[in-house]
Amino acid sequence: KTSLSTAAEDTGFLEQNAADLASLVLEAIRTYDDHKLQRVVITFARAAARRCDAFVKALAAGIVKACSTGLPAGKPAQLGRHEMFGLLALIKVTVQVLDPESAKK
């Protein structure tokens, strides 16, 4: 067992579980409609992103998928307001720490 703050500080844990953690963060953002709960998830994502490039890449890939999966051409995403807010906050997290050179890969 571990707390979110402990997990975000453990680089080895983040590296080993980057894809699963990014998926969990995205699922939590979609599920939680309470702003305070979303803020906790975003705080974790920000701390993890500062320490682990693999997490940032997995999160960025998940964001792209969440924003585009199943969308017909020219149609807006069918996301709720809380989901859009959460995804926007996660986009900000990734943009602030993602190396532009690694983003091309």
N, C-alpha and C. Protein backbone atom coordinates (compact mmCIF):
# COMPACT_ATOMS: atom_id res chain seq x y z
N LYS A 1 0.84 -1.18 0.00
CA LYS A 1 0.00 0.00 0.00
C LYS A 1 0.89 1.24 0.00
N THR A 2 0.39 2.26 -0.65
CA THR A 2 1.13 3.51 -0.71
C THR A 2 0.14 4.66 -0.91
N SER A 3 0.56 5.83 -0.50
CA SER A 3 -0.28 7.00 -0.74
C SER A 3 0.08 7.58 -2.11
N LEU A 4 -0.76 8.45 -2.62
CA LEU A 4 -0.46 9.08 -3.90
C LEU A 4 0.82 9.91 -3.83
N SER A 5 1.02 10.62 -2.73
CA SER A 5 2.22 11.45 -2.63
C SER A 5 3.48 10.60 -2.57
N THR A 6 3.42 9.46 -1.87
CA THR A 6 4.56 8.56 -1.82
C THR A 6 4.82 7.96 -3.20
N ALA A 7 3.78 7.55 -3.88
CA ALA A 7 3.93 6.97 -5.22
C ALA A 7 4.52 7.99 -6.19
N ALA A 8 4.11 9.24 -6.09
CA ALA A 8 4.60 10.28 -7.00
C ALA A 8 6.07 10.60 -6.77
N GLU A 9 6.59 10.29 -5.60
CA GLU A 9 7.99 10.57 -5.29
C GLU A 9 8.90 9.39 -5.59
N ASP A 10 8.35 8.22 -5.82
CA ASP A 10 9.13 7.00 -6.06
C ASP A 10 9.33 6.81 -7.56
N THR A 11 10.48 7.28 -8.06
CA THR A 11 10.75 7.23 -9.49
C THR A 11 10.72 5.80 -10.03
N GLY A 12 11.26 4.86 -9.27
CA GLY A 12 11.25 3.46 -9.70
C GLY A 12 9.83 2.93 -9.87
N PHE A 13 8.98 3.24 -8.91
CA PHE A 13 7.57 2.83 -8.99
C PHE A 13 6.90 3.47 -10.20
N LEU A 14 7.17 4.75 -10.42
CA LEU A 14 6.58 5.46 -11.56
C LEU A 14 7.03 4.85 -12.88
N GLU A 15 8.33 4.55 -12.99
CA GLU A 15 8.86 3.96 -14.23
C GLU A 15 8.22 2.60 -14.50
N GLN A 16 8.12 1.77 -13.47
CA GLN A 16 7.58 0.42 -13.63
C GLN A 16 6.09 0.41 -13.95
N ASN A 17 5.38 1.43 -13.50
CA ASN A 17 3.92 1.44 -13.61
C ASN A 17 3.38 2.62 -14.40
N ALA A 18 4.21 3.24 -15.23
CA ALA A 18 3.84 4.48 -15.92
C ALA A 18 2.54 4.36 -16.71
N ALA A 19 2.43 3.34 -17.53
CA ALA A 19 1.23 3.19 -18.37
C ALA A 19 -0.02 2.95 -17.53
N ASP A 20 0.10 2.09 -16.52
CA ASP A 20 -1.05 1.81 -15.65
C ASP A 20 -1.47 3.05 -14.86
N LEU A 21 -0.49 3.80 -14.37
CA LEU A 21 -0.80 5.01 -13.60
C LEU A 21 -1.44 6.07 -14.48
N ALA A 22 -0.93 6.24 -15.69
CA ALA A 22 -1.52 7.21 -16.62
C ALA A 22 -2.96 6.82 -16.94
N SER A 23 -3.19 5.54 -17.16
CA SER A 23 -4.54 5.05 -17.42
C SER A 23 -5.46 5.30 -16.23
N LEU A 24 -4.95 5.06 -15.04
CA LEU A 24 -5.72 5.29 -13.82
C LEU A 24 -6.05 6.77 -13.65
N VAL A 25 -5.09 7.64 -13.92
CA VAL A 25 -5.31 9.09 -13.83
C VAL A 25 -6.42 9.50 -14.80
N LEU A 26 -6.35 9.03 -16.02
CA LEU A 26 -7.36 9.39 -17.01
C LEU A 26 -8.74 8.85 -16.65
N GLU A 27 -8.78 7.64 -16.13
CA GLU A 27 -10.07 7.07 -15.70
C GLU A 27 -10.65 7.86 -14.53
N ALA A 28 -9.79 8.26 -13.60
CA ALA A 28 -10.26 9.06 -12.46
C ALA A 28 -10.80 10.40 -12.92
N ILE A 29 -10.13 11.03 -13.87
CA ILE A 29 -10.59 12.32 -14.39
C ILE A 29 -11.96 12.17 -15.05
N ARG A 30 -12.17 11.06 -15.75
CA ARG A 30 -13.47 10.83 -16.40
C ARG A 30 -14.56 10.52 -15.38
N THR A 31 -14.18 9.89 -14.28
CA THR A 31 -15.15 9.41 -13.29
C THR A 31 -15.52 10.48 -12.27
N TYR A 32 -14.52 11.19 -11.76
CA TYR A 32 -14.77 12.16 -10.69
C TYR A 32 -15.36 13.44 -11.25
N ASP A 33 -16.56 13.79 -10.80
CA ASP A 33 -17.13 15.06 -11.21
C ASP A 33 -16.98 16.13 -10.13
N ASP A 34 -16.38 15.76 -9.02
CA ASP A 34 -16.09 16.69 -7.93
C ASP A 34 -14.75 17.36 -8.20
N HIS A 35 -14.77 18.69 -8.24
CA HIS A 35 -13.56 19.46 -8.56
C HIS A 35 -12.42 19.16 -7.58
N LYS A 36 -12.72 18.99 -6.31
CA LYS A 36 -11.68 18.73 -5.31
C LYS A 36 -11.00 17.39 -5.57
N LEU A 37 -11.77 16.38 -5.93
CA LEU A 37 -11.19 15.07 -6.23
C LEU A 37 -10.34 15.13 -7.50
N GLN A 38 -10.82 15.85 -8.49
CA GLN A 38 -10.02 16.01 -9.71
C GLN A 38 -8.71 16.72 -9.41
N ARG A 39 -8.75 17.70 -8.53
CA ARG A 39 -7.54 18.44 -8.18
C ARG A 39 -6.49 17.53 -7.55
N VAL A 40 -6.93 16.58 -6.72
CA VAL A 40 -6.01 15.62 -6.11
C VAL A 40 -5.34 14.79 -7.20
N VAL A 41 -6.12 14.33 -8.16
CA VAL A 41 -5.58 13.52 -9.26
C VAL A 41 -4.61 14.35 -10.10
N ILE A 42 -4.95 15.58 -10.38
CA ILE A 42 -4.09 16.46 -11.18
C ILE A 42 -2.80 16.77 -10.43
N THR A 43 -2.88 16.97 -9.12
CA THR A 43 -1.69 17.20 -8.31
C THR A 43 -0.76 16.00 -8.38
N PHE A 44 -1.33 14.79 -8.29
CA PHE A 44 -0.51 13.58 -8.43
C PHE A 44 0.14 13.54 -9.81
N ALA A 45 -0.65 13.80 -10.85
CA ALA A 45 -0.12 13.75 -12.22
C ALA A 45 1.01 14.74 -12.41
N ARG A 46 0.87 15.93 -11.86
CA ARG A 46 1.91 16.95 -11.97
C ARG A 46 3.20 16.49 -11.28
N ALA A 47 3.07 15.94 -10.08
CA ALA A 47 4.25 15.46 -9.34
C ALA A 47 4.91 14.29 -10.06
N ALA A 48 4.11 13.37 -10.56
CA ALA A 48 4.65 12.20 -11.28
C ALA A 48 5.31 12.63 -12.58
N ALA A 49 4.71 13.57 -13.27
CA ALA A 49 5.25 14.03 -14.56
C ALA A 49 6.61 14.70 -14.40
N ARG A 50 6.82 15.37 -13.28
CA ARG A 50 8.12 16.02 -13.04
C ARG A 50 9.23 15.00 -12.85
N ARG A 51 8.88 13.79 -12.44
CA ARG A 51 9.89 12.78 -12.09
C ARG A 51 10.05 11.67 -13.12
N CYS A 52 9.11 11.52 -14.03
CA CYS A 52 9.13 10.31 -14.87
C CYS A 52 8.68 10.61 -16.30
N ASP A 53 9.63 10.57 -17.23
CA ASP A 53 9.31 10.80 -18.64
C ASP A 53 8.35 9.75 -19.20
N ALA A 54 8.50 8.50 -18.75
CA ALA A 54 7.62 7.44 -19.25
C ALA A 54 6.16 7.73 -18.87
N PHE A 55 5.95 8.28 -17.67
CA PHE A 55 4.59 8.64 -17.25
C PHE A 55 4.05 9.76 -18.14
N VAL A 56 4.88 10.76 -18.42
CA VAL A 56 4.45 11.88 -19.26
C VAL A 56 4.04 11.39 -20.64
N LYS A 57 4.86 10.52 -21.23
CA LYS A 57 4.55 10.00 -22.56
C LYS A 57 3.27 9.17 -22.55
N ALA A 58 3.11 8.33 -21.53
CA ALA A 58 1.90 7.51 -21.43
C ALA A 58 0.67 8.39 -21.22
N LEU A 59 0.82 9.43 -20.40
CA LEU A 59 -0.30 10.34 -20.15
C LEU A 59 -0.66 11.10 -21.42
N ALA A 60 0.34 11.60 -22.14
CA ALA A 60 0.08 12.33 -23.39
C ALA A 60 -0.64 11.44 -24.40
N ALA A 61 -0.18 10.20 -24.53
CA ALA A 61 -0.83 9.26 -25.45
C ALA A 61 -2.28 8.99 -25.03
N GLY A 62 -2.50 8.85 -23.74
CA GLY A 62 -3.84 8.61 -23.23
C GLY A 62 -4.77 9.80 -23.45
N ILE A 63 -4.22 11.00 -23.32
CA ILE A 63 -5.02 12.21 -23.55
C ILE A 63 -5.45 12.27 -25.02
N VAL A 64 -4.51 12.02 -25.92
CA VAL A 64 -4.84 12.04 -27.35
C VAL A 64 -5.94 11.02 -27.64
N LYS A 65 -5.80 9.83 -27.09
CA LYS A 65 -6.80 8.79 -27.32
C LYS A 65 -8.16 9.19 -26.73
N ALA A 66 -8.15 9.74 -25.51
CA ALA A 66 -9.40 10.14 -24.86
C ALA A 66 -10.11 11.24 -25.64
N CYS A 67 -9.35 12.10 -26.28
CA CYS A 67 -9.94 13.22 -27.01
C CYS A 67 -10.39 12.84 -28.42
N SER A 68 -9.95 11.69 -28.92
CA SER A 68 -10.25 11.38 -30.31
C SER A 68 -10.93 10.04 -30.56
N THR A 69 -10.97 9.17 -29.58
CA THR A 69 -11.52 7.83 -29.79
C THR A 69 -12.99 7.88 -30.21
N GLY A 70 -13.27 7.25 -31.31
CA GLY A 70 -14.65 7.09 -31.76
C GLY A 70 -15.31 8.35 -32.27
N LEU A 71 -14.54 9.36 -32.59
CA LEU A 71 -15.15 10.59 -33.08
C LEU A 71 -15.28 10.56 -34.60
N PRO A 72 -16.48 10.76 -35.10
CA PRO A 72 -16.63 10.89 -36.55
C PRO A 72 -15.95 12.19 -37.01
N ALA A 73 -15.47 12.21 -38.21
CA ALA A 73 -14.79 13.41 -38.73
C ALA A 73 -15.70 14.63 -38.62
N GLY A 74 -15.14 15.70 -38.09
CA GLY A 74 -15.87 16.95 -37.99
C GLY A 74 -16.86 17.06 -36.85
N LYS A 75 -16.93 16.05 -36.00
CA LYS A 75 -17.88 16.07 -34.87
C LYS A 75 -17.13 16.40 -33.58
N PRO A 76 -17.73 17.19 -32.69
CA PRO A 76 -17.08 17.49 -31.42
C PRO A 76 -17.09 16.27 -30.49
N ALA A 77 -16.14 16.24 -29.59
CA ALA A 77 -16.06 15.15 -28.61
C ALA A 77 -17.29 15.18 -27.71
N GLN A 78 -17.76 14.01 -27.33
CA GLN A 78 -18.91 13.90 -26.44
C GLN A 78 -18.41 13.74 -25.01
N LEU A 79 -17.88 14.81 -24.46
CA LEU A 79 -17.33 14.80 -23.11
C LEU A 79 -18.13 15.73 -22.23
N GLY A 80 -18.27 15.37 -20.96
CA GLY A 80 -18.92 16.24 -20.01
C GLY A 80 -18.01 17.39 -19.61
N ARG A 81 -18.59 18.40 -18.99
CA ARG A 81 -17.81 19.57 -18.58
C ARG A 81 -16.68 19.18 -17.63
N HIS A 82 -16.97 18.30 -16.66
CA HIS A 82 -15.92 17.92 -15.71
C HIS A 82 -14.80 17.15 -16.41
N GLU A 83 -15.14 16.35 -17.42
CA GLU A 83 -14.12 15.63 -18.18
C GLU A 83 -13.25 16.59 -18.98
N MET A 84 -13.89 17.57 -19.60
CA MET A 84 -13.14 18.55 -20.39
C MET A 84 -12.20 19.35 -19.49
N PHE A 85 -12.68 19.77 -18.33
CA PHE A 85 -11.83 20.51 -17.40
C PHE A 85 -10.63 19.65 -16.99
N GLY A 86 -10.89 18.41 -16.62
CA GLY A 86 -9.81 17.52 -16.19
C GLY A 86 -8.81 17.25 -17.29
N LEU A 87 -9.29 16.99 -18.49
CA LEU A 87 -8.37 16.75 -19.61
C LEU A 87 -7.55 17.99 -19.94
N LEU A 88 -8.17 19.16 -19.87
CA LEU A 88 -7.44 20.39 -20.11
C LEU A 88 -6.33 20.58 -19.08
N ALA A 89 -6.62 20.29 -17.83
CA ALA A 89 -5.61 20.40 -16.78
C ALA A 89 -4.48 19.40 -17.02
N LEU A 90 -4.81 18.19 -17.46
CA LEU A 90 -3.77 17.19 -17.74
C LEU A 90 -2.96 17.57 -18.98
N ILE A 91 -3.59 18.18 -19.96
CA ILE A 91 -2.85 18.68 -21.13
C ILE A 91 -1.83 19.71 -20.68
N LYS A 92 -2.23 20.59 -19.80
CA LYS A 92 -1.32 21.61 -19.27
C LYS A 92 -0.13 20.94 -18.57
N VAL A 93 -0.39 19.92 -17.77
CA VAL A 93 0.68 19.19 -17.08
C VAL A 93 1.67 18.64 -18.09
N THR A 94 1.18 17.98 -19.13
CA THR A 94 2.08 17.36 -20.09
C THR A 94 2.85 18.40 -20.90
N VAL A 95 2.19 19.46 -21.31
CA VAL A 95 2.85 20.50 -22.10
C VAL A 95 3.96 21.16 -21.30
N GLN A 96 3.76 21.34 -20.01
CA GLN A 96 4.76 22.00 -19.18
C GLN A 96 6.02 21.17 -19.00
N VAL A 97 5.92 19.85 -19.07
CA VAL A 97 7.10 19.01 -18.81
C VAL A 97 7.58 18.20 -20.00
N LEU A 98 6.78 18.07 -21.04
CA LEU A 98 7.15 17.22 -22.18
C LEU A 98 8.24 17.88 -23.01
N ASP A 99 9.30 17.14 -23.26
CA ASP A 99 10.39 17.61 -24.11
C ASP A 99 9.90 17.58 -25.55
N PRO A 100 9.97 18.71 -26.26
CA PRO A 100 9.47 18.75 -27.63
C PRO A 100 10.11 17.71 -28.55
N GLU A 101 11.37 17.40 -28.34
CA GLU A 101 12.04 16.39 -29.17
C GLU A 101 11.47 15.00 -28.94
N SER A 102 11.18 14.67 -27.68
CA SER A 102 10.64 13.33 -27.40
C SER A 102 9.18 13.22 -27.82
N ALA A 103 8.51 14.33 -27.94
CA ALA A 103 7.10 14.32 -28.35
C ALA A 103 6.93 13.87 -29.79
N LYS A 104 7.98 14.02 -30.59
CA LYS A 104 7.91 13.63 -31.99
C LYS A 104 7.97 12.13 -32.17
N LYS A 105 8.41 11.41 -31.16
CA LYS A 105 8.60 9.96 -31.27
C LYS A 105 7.35 9.20 -30.97
